[in-house]
Amino acid sequence: MSGRCSKVLVVEDEALIGMLLEDMLQDIGCEHVELVPRFAEGMQAAESGDFDLAVLDVNLDGVNSFPIADRLIDRHIPLVFATGYGSVGMDPRYAHIPTLQKPFFFSDLERVVRQALAAD
């Protein structure tokens, strides 16, 4: 992998998807994954955490994660969006952010992680 991926933030409100992402990211070579299920925890992590990458579920129990994305972008932390709607339903402001469409395969996650880290 071209970019560094030792610490990853995953903001995902579905526990099974979060655990799946955690396992797959570790299989890709990311050493530590911090999994948070709610918007407030995700925002706090985005404000103060030291991450090489973030994976954000777009819809966190009815609240969109765009403010978290904005904070990560301000801090120059690469990110990937994860959504059941794919890039079609995304806000055009985030067209440059790699999007992982749910359901996904390992190869899909690996591709968007590489894309996000290469863009950094």
C-alpha atoms as a PDB file:
ATOM      1  CA  MET A   1       0.000   0.000   0.000  1.00  0.00           C
ATOM      2  CA  SER A   2       1.420   3.380  -0.990  1.00  0.00           C
ATOM      3  CA  GLY A   3       0.132   5.465   1.940  1.00  0.00           C
ATOM      4  CA  ARG A   4       0.456   4.887   5.647  1.00  0.00           C
ATOM      5  CA  CYS A   5      -2.462   3.085   7.282  1.00  0.00           C
ATOM      6  CA  SER A   6      -1.487   2.360  10.863  1.00  0.00           C
ATOM      7  CA  LYS A   7      -4.462   4.029  12.607  1.00  0.00           C
ATOM      8  CA  VAL A   8      -7.963   4.221  11.117  1.00  0.00           C
ATOM      9  CA  LEU A   9     -11.161   5.801  12.410  1.00  0.00           C
ATOM     10  CA  VAL A  10     -14.351   3.950  11.461  1.00  0.00           C
ATOM     11  CA  VAL A  11     -17.630   5.737  12.174  1.00  0.00           C
ATOM     12  CA  GLU A  12     -20.376   3.173  11.569  1.00  0.00           C
ATOM     13  CA  ASP A  13     -23.679   2.756  13.405  1.00  0.00           C
ATOM     14  CA  GLU A  14     -24.320  -0.840  12.307  1.00  0.00           C
ATOM     15  CA  ALA A  15     -22.286  -3.043  14.668  1.00  0.00           C
ATOM     16  CA  LEU A  16     -21.844  -5.958  12.248  1.00  0.00           C
ATOM     17  CA  ILE A  17     -20.673  -3.701   9.421  1.00  0.00           C
ATOM     18  CA  GLY A  18     -18.316  -1.929  11.812  1.00  0.00           C
ATOM     19  CA  MET A  19     -16.770  -5.222  12.919  1.00  0.00           C
ATOM     20  CA  LEU A  20     -16.500  -6.380   9.311  1.00  0.00           C
ATOM     21  CA  LEU A  21     -14.741  -3.129   8.364  1.00  0.00           C
ATOM     22  CA  GLU A  22     -12.413  -3.479  11.336  1.00  0.00           C
ATOM     23  CA  ASP A  23     -11.423  -7.027  10.349  1.00  0.00           C
ATOM     24  CA  MET A  24     -10.985  -6.157   6.676  1.00  0.00           C
ATOM     25  CA  LEU A  25      -8.928  -3.029   7.400  1.00  0.00           C
ATOM     26  CA  GLN A  26      -6.628  -5.067   9.617  1.00  0.00           C
ATOM     27  CA  ASP A  27      -6.313  -7.641   6.811  1.00  0.00           C
ATOM     28  CA  ILE A  28      -5.313  -4.801   4.452  1.00  0.00           C
ATOM     29  CA  GLY A  29      -2.538  -3.863   6.868  1.00  0.00           C
ATOM     30  CA  CYS A  30      -4.061  -1.161   9.050  1.00  0.00           C
ATOM     31  CA  GLU A  31      -2.687  -1.843  12.518  1.00  0.00           C
ATOM     32  CA  HIS A  32      -5.243  -0.129  14.754  1.00  0.00           C
ATOM     33  CA  VAL A  33      -8.924   0.556  14.046  1.00  0.00           C
ATOM     34  CA  GLU A  34     -10.967   2.821  16.319  1.00  0.00           C
ATOM     35  CA  LEU A  35     -14.631   1.970  15.820  1.00  0.00           C
ATOM     36  CA  VAL A  36     -17.255   4.482  16.972  1.00  0.00           C
ATOM     37  CA  PRO A  37     -20.999   4.028  16.421  1.00  0.00           C
ATOM     38  CA  ARG A  38     -22.459   7.511  16.926  1.00  0.00           C
ATOM     39  CA  PHE A  39     -22.154  10.971  15.418  1.00  0.00           C
ATOM     40  CA  ALA A  40     -21.016  12.706  18.643  1.00  0.00           C
ATOM     41  CA  GLU A  41     -18.230  10.177  19.237  1.00  0.00           C
ATOM     42  CA  GLY A  42     -17.210  10.405  15.578  1.00  0.00           C
ATOM     43  CA  MET A  43     -17.035  14.190  15.749  1.00  0.00           C
ATOM     44  CA  GLN A  44     -14.979  14.069  18.940  1.00  0.00           C
ATOM     45  CA  ALA A  45     -12.554  11.577  17.345  1.00  0.00           C
ATOM     46  CA  ALA A  46     -12.333  13.736  14.201  1.00  0.00           C
ATOM     47  CA  GLU A  47     -11.537  16.781  16.339  1.00  0.00           C
ATOM     48  CA  SER A  48      -8.749  15.292  18.411  1.00  0.00           C
ATOM     49  CA  GLY A  49      -7.726  11.871  17.107  1.00  0.00           C
ATOM     50  CA  ASP A  50      -4.549  11.095  15.232  1.00  0.00           C
ATOM     51  CA  PHE A  51      -5.575   8.999  12.215  1.00  0.00           C
ATOM     52  CA  ASP A  52      -4.057   8.057   8.877  1.00  0.00           C
ATOM     53  CA  LEU A  53      -7.479   7.396   7.377  1.00  0.00           C
ATOM     54  CA  ALA A  54     -11.183   7.511   8.246  1.00  0.00           C
ATOM     55  CA  VAL A  55     -14.119   5.472   6.954  1.00  0.00           C
ATOM     56  CA  LEU A  56     -17.458   7.217   7.511  1.00  0.00           C
ATOM     57  CA  ASP A  57     -20.937   5.795   7.160  1.00  0.00           C
ATOM     58  CA  VAL A  58     -22.866   8.608   5.471  1.00  0.00           C
ATOM     59  CA  ASN A  59     -26.049   8.024   7.498  1.00  0.00           C
ATOM     60  CA  LEU A  60     -25.527   7.607  11.232  1.00  0.00           C
ATOM     61  CA  ASP A  61     -28.922   6.707  12.652  1.00  0.00           C
ATOM     62  CA  GLY A  62     -30.597   9.413  10.569  1.00  0.00           C
ATOM     63  CA  VAL A  63     -27.830  12.029  10.898  1.00  0.00           C
ATOM     64  CA  ASN A  64     -25.426  12.575   8.017  1.00  0.00           C
ATOM     65  CA  SER A  65     -21.712  12.422   8.722  1.00  0.00           C
ATOM     66  CA  PHE A  66     -20.726  15.374   6.503  1.00  0.00           C
ATOM     67  CA  PRO A  67     -19.731  17.622   9.449  1.00  0.00           C
ATOM     68  CA  ILE A  68     -17.340  14.878  10.580  1.00  0.00           C
ATOM     69  CA  ALA A  69     -15.975  14.669   7.036  1.00  0.00           C
ATOM     70  CA  ASP A  70     -15.490  18.440   6.949  1.00  0.00           C
ATOM     71  CA  ARG A  71     -13.436  18.327  10.147  1.00  0.00           C
ATOM     72  CA  LEU A  72     -11.295  15.484   8.842  1.00  0.00           C
ATOM     73  CA  ILE A  73     -10.753  17.347   5.567  1.00  0.00           C
ATOM     74  CA  ASP A  74      -9.744  20.471   7.517  1.00  0.00           C
ATOM     75  CA  ARG A  75      -7.197  18.336   9.380  1.00  0.00           C
ATOM     76  CA  HIS A  76      -5.914  16.758   6.124  1.00  0.00           C
ATOM     77  CA  ILE A  77      -6.963  13.251   7.141  1.00  0.00           C
ATOM     78  CA  PRO A  78      -7.891  11.137   4.099  1.00  0.00           C
ATOM     79  CA  LEU A  79     -11.330   9.575   4.210  1.00  0.00           C
ATOM     80  CA  VAL A  80     -13.690   7.179   2.529  1.00  0.00           C
ATOM     81  CA  PHE A  81     -17.473   7.344   2.638  1.00  0.00           C
ATOM     82  CA  ALA A  82     -19.476   4.134   3.049  1.00  0.00           C
ATOM     83  CA  THR A  83     -23.103   4.158   1.943  1.00  0.00           C
ATOM     84  CA  GLY A  84     -25.834   1.921   0.619  1.00  0.00           C
ATOM     85  CA  TYR A  85     -26.585   4.552  -2.008  1.00  0.00           C
ATOM     86  CA  GLY A  86     -23.135   4.670  -3.604  1.00  0.00           C
ATOM     87  CA  SER A  87     -21.748   7.867  -5.063  1.00  0.00           C
ATOM     88  CA  VAL A  88     -25.078   8.652  -6.777  1.00  0.00           C
ATOM     89  CA  GLY A  89     -26.707  10.044  -3.609  1.00  0.00           C
ATOM     90  CA  MET A  90     -23.647  11.961  -2.427  1.00  0.00           C
ATOM     91  CA  ASP A  91     -23.407  15.703  -1.952  1.00  0.00           C
ATOM     92  CA  PRO A  92     -21.420  17.090  -4.936  1.00  0.00           C
ATOM     93  CA  ARG A  93     -19.043  18.856  -2.517  1.00  0.00           C
ATOM     94  CA  TYR A  94     -17.610  15.432  -1.744  1.00  0.00           C
ATOM     95  CA  ALA A  95     -17.282  14.129  -5.318  1.00  0.00           C
ATOM     96  CA  HIS A  96     -13.511  13.830  -4.831  1.00  0.00           C
ATOM     97  CA  ILE A  97     -13.869  11.523  -1.810  1.00  0.00           C
ATOM     98  CA  PRO A  98     -13.752   7.772  -2.591  1.00  0.00           C
ATOM     99  CA  THR A  99     -17.089   6.074  -1.875  1.00  0.00           C
ATOM    100  CA  LEU A 100     -17.562   2.477  -0.817  1.00  0.00           C
ATOM    101  CA  GLN A 101     -20.977   1.177  -1.787  1.00  0.00           C
ATOM    102  CA  LYS A 102     -22.596  -1.239   0.667  1.00  0.00           C
ATOM    103  CA  PRO A 103     -22.701  -4.189   0.441  1.00  0.00           C
ATOM    104  CA  PHE A 104     -19.030  -4.442  -0.462  1.00  0.00           C
ATOM    105  CA  PHE A 105     -16.299  -6.996  -0.950  1.00  0.00           C
ATOM    106  CA  PHE A 106     -12.766  -6.982   0.440  1.00  0.00           C
ATOM    107  CA  SER A 107     -11.414  -5.904  -2.961  1.00  0.00           C
ATOM    108  CA  ASP A 108     -13.788  -2.887  -2.988  1.00  0.00           C
ATOM    109  CA  LEU A 109     -12.579  -1.731   0.415  1.00  0.00           C
ATOM    110  CA  GLU A 110      -8.945  -2.276  -0.508  1.00  0.00           C
ATOM    111  CA  ARG A 111      -9.423  -0.236  -3.718  1.00  0.00           C
ATOM    112  CA  VAL A 112     -11.017   2.795  -2.004  1.00  0.00           C
ATOM    113  CA  VAL A 113      -8.482   2.727   0.849  1.00  0.00           C
ATOM    114  CA  ARG A 114      -5.633   2.785  -1.683  1.00  0.00           C
ATOM    115  CA  GLN A 115      -7.398   5.564  -3.585  1.00  0.00           C
ATOM    116  CA  ALA A 116      -7.875   7.683  -0.444  1.00  0.00           C
ATOM    117  CA  LEU A 117      -4.291   7.219   0.742  1.00  0.00           C
ATOM    118  CA  ALA A 118      -2.858   7.938  -2.707  1.00  0.00           C
ATOM    119  CA  ALA A 119      -4.840  11.200  -2.921  1.00  0.00           C
ATOM    120  CA  ASP A 120      -3.354  12.404   0.347  1.00  0.00           C
END
